[in-house]
Amino acid sequence: MMRMIVNENVTRTVIDELRQRGHDVISIKESMRGEGDSVILTRAEAEQRLVVTHDKDFGELAFRFQLSATCGIVLFRLSGSEPDADNQRILDVLESRTDWAGGLDHNSGRCQH
């Protein structure tokens, strides 16, 4: 089971499926709508939740502004032309490993894994 905080731009289909698979998922749409990315990242850090997003701003916060992101950030950049396939790809990638935490290297801007 993973603990995640899922940004507003991730589909309800993915959120529901992650929950069905036993993951502890906070949806920004449900509980933090309109909060700034820095507030979301701070909560993810405090609760040790993986950030799942399509928004490059989280990487910007971690690298440029040096906000702590040891919880891990997974950024998906998918075509959007096949929503069902995109949703499945997100699920497959997230469940392909359990060691997302600490996956960002602030010095080089590259993923350590």
Protein backbone atom coordinates (compact mmCIF):
# COMPACT_ATOMS: atom_id res chain seq x y z
CA MET A 1 0.00 0.00 0.00
CA MET A 2 1.28 3.45 -0.91
CA ARG A 3 0.29 6.81 0.52
CA MET A 4 -0.34 9.39 -2.22
CA ILE A 5 -1.60 12.89 -2.71
CA VAL A 6 -3.09 13.18 -6.18
CA ASN A 7 -3.28 16.53 -7.93
CA GLU A 8 -6.48 17.99 -9.40
CA ASN A 9 -5.45 17.09 -12.94
CA VAL A 10 -5.47 13.32 -12.31
CA THR A 11 -8.70 11.63 -13.37
CA ARG A 12 -11.34 10.30 -11.00
CA THR A 13 -10.92 6.91 -12.72
CA VAL A 14 -7.29 6.69 -11.57
CA ILE A 15 -8.10 7.89 -8.05
CA ASP A 16 -10.94 5.38 -7.63
CA GLU A 17 -8.86 2.51 -8.98
CA LEU A 18 -5.92 3.33 -6.70
CA ARG A 19 -8.27 3.30 -3.73
CA GLN A 20 -9.83 0.01 -4.84
CA ARG A 21 -6.33 -1.47 -4.97
CA GLY A 22 -5.84 -0.52 -1.32
CA HIS A 23 -3.76 2.64 -1.62
CA ASP A 24 -4.26 5.58 0.76
CA VAL A 25 -5.09 8.42 -1.63
CA ILE A 26 -5.85 12.05 -0.85
CA SER A 27 -7.49 13.77 -3.80
CA ILE A 28 -6.81 17.50 -4.08
CA LYS A 29 -10.16 17.83 -5.87
CA GLU A 30 -11.96 16.45 -2.81
CA SER A 31 -10.14 17.95 0.14
CA MET A 32 -7.77 20.73 -0.91
CA ARG A 33 -9.34 22.28 -4.01
CA GLY A 34 -7.71 25.56 -4.94
CA GLU A 35 -4.69 25.16 -2.64
CA GLY A 36 -1.35 26.26 -3.98
CA ASP A 37 1.23 23.72 -5.08
CA SER A 38 3.59 24.67 -2.24
CA VAL A 39 0.84 23.91 0.32
CA ILE A 40 0.18 20.56 -1.34
CA LEU A 41 3.88 19.68 -1.39
CA THR A 42 4.24 20.67 2.26
CA ARG A 43 1.34 18.39 3.21
CA ALA A 44 2.79 15.54 1.14
CA GLU A 45 6.10 15.93 2.97
CA ALA A 46 4.46 16.12 6.41
CA GLU A 47 2.42 12.97 5.75
CA GLN A 48 5.07 11.22 3.63
CA ARG A 49 2.80 10.94 0.61
CA LEU A 50 3.94 10.52 -2.97
CA VAL A 51 2.79 13.43 -5.16
CA VAL A 52 1.11 12.28 -8.39
CA THR A 53 0.55 14.98 -10.99
CA HIS A 54 0.53 16.11 -14.61
CA ASP A 55 1.76 19.55 -13.46
CA LYS A 56 5.45 20.43 -13.92
CA ASP A 57 5.20 23.10 -11.21
CA PHE A 58 5.97 20.58 -8.46
CA GLY A 59 9.36 19.87 -10.00
CA GLU A 60 9.95 23.60 -10.21
CA LEU A 61 9.22 23.94 -6.49
CA ALA A 62 11.59 21.10 -5.64
CA PHE A 63 14.46 22.13 -7.91
CA ARG A 64 14.38 25.87 -8.40
CA PHE A 65 12.96 26.85 -5.01
CA GLN A 66 14.56 23.96 -3.11
CA LEU A 67 11.38 22.95 -1.29
CA SER A 68 11.77 19.54 0.25
CA ALA A 69 10.34 16.74 -1.87
CA THR A 70 11.77 13.64 -0.23
CA CYS A 71 8.30 12.09 -0.38
CA GLY A 72 8.74 11.78 -4.16
CA ILE A 73 6.99 13.36 -7.12
CA VAL A 74 5.76 11.43 -10.13
CA LEU A 75 5.03 13.63 -13.12
CA PHE A 76 3.02 12.12 -15.95
CA ARG A 77 3.16 13.72 -19.41
CA LEU A 78 0.80 11.66 -21.55
CA SER A 79 -0.75 12.36 -24.94
CA GLY A 80 -4.37 12.44 -23.84
CA SER A 81 -5.46 10.96 -27.14
CA GLU A 82 -6.39 7.64 -25.50
CA PRO A 83 -7.71 8.37 -21.98
CA ASP A 84 -8.28 4.72 -21.03
CA ALA A 85 -4.75 3.76 -22.09
CA ASP A 86 -3.33 6.81 -20.28
CA ASN A 87 -5.19 5.89 -17.07
CA GLN A 88 -3.91 2.33 -17.25
CA ARG A 89 -0.36 3.54 -17.88
CA ILE A 90 -0.51 5.73 -14.75
CA LEU A 91 -1.71 2.78 -12.65
CA ASP A 92 0.93 0.46 -14.09
CA VAL A 93 3.76 2.91 -13.50
CA LEU A 94 2.72 3.77 -9.95
CA GLU A 95 2.46 0.12 -8.99
CA SER A 96 5.68 -0.86 -10.74
CA ARG A 97 7.68 0.09 -7.65
CA THR A 98 7.27 1.03 -4.01
CA ASP A 99 10.43 3.09 -3.58
CA TRP A 100 9.32 6.42 -5.03
CA ALA A 101 10.26 8.35 -1.87
CA GLY A 102 13.53 10.22 -2.26
CA GLY A 103 13.33 9.80 -6.03
CA LEU A 104 14.38 13.36 -6.75
CA ASP A 105 17.95 14.53 -6.83
CA HIS A 106 17.90 18.27 -6.07
CA ASN A 107 21.45 18.79 -7.27
CA SER A 108 21.24 17.46 -10.77
CA GLY A 109 17.50 17.70 -11.40
CA ARG A 110 17.44 14.01 -12.36
CA CYS A 111 15.58 11.12 -10.84
CA GLN A 112 17.80 8.89 -8.73
CA HIS A 113 15.95 5.69 -9.65
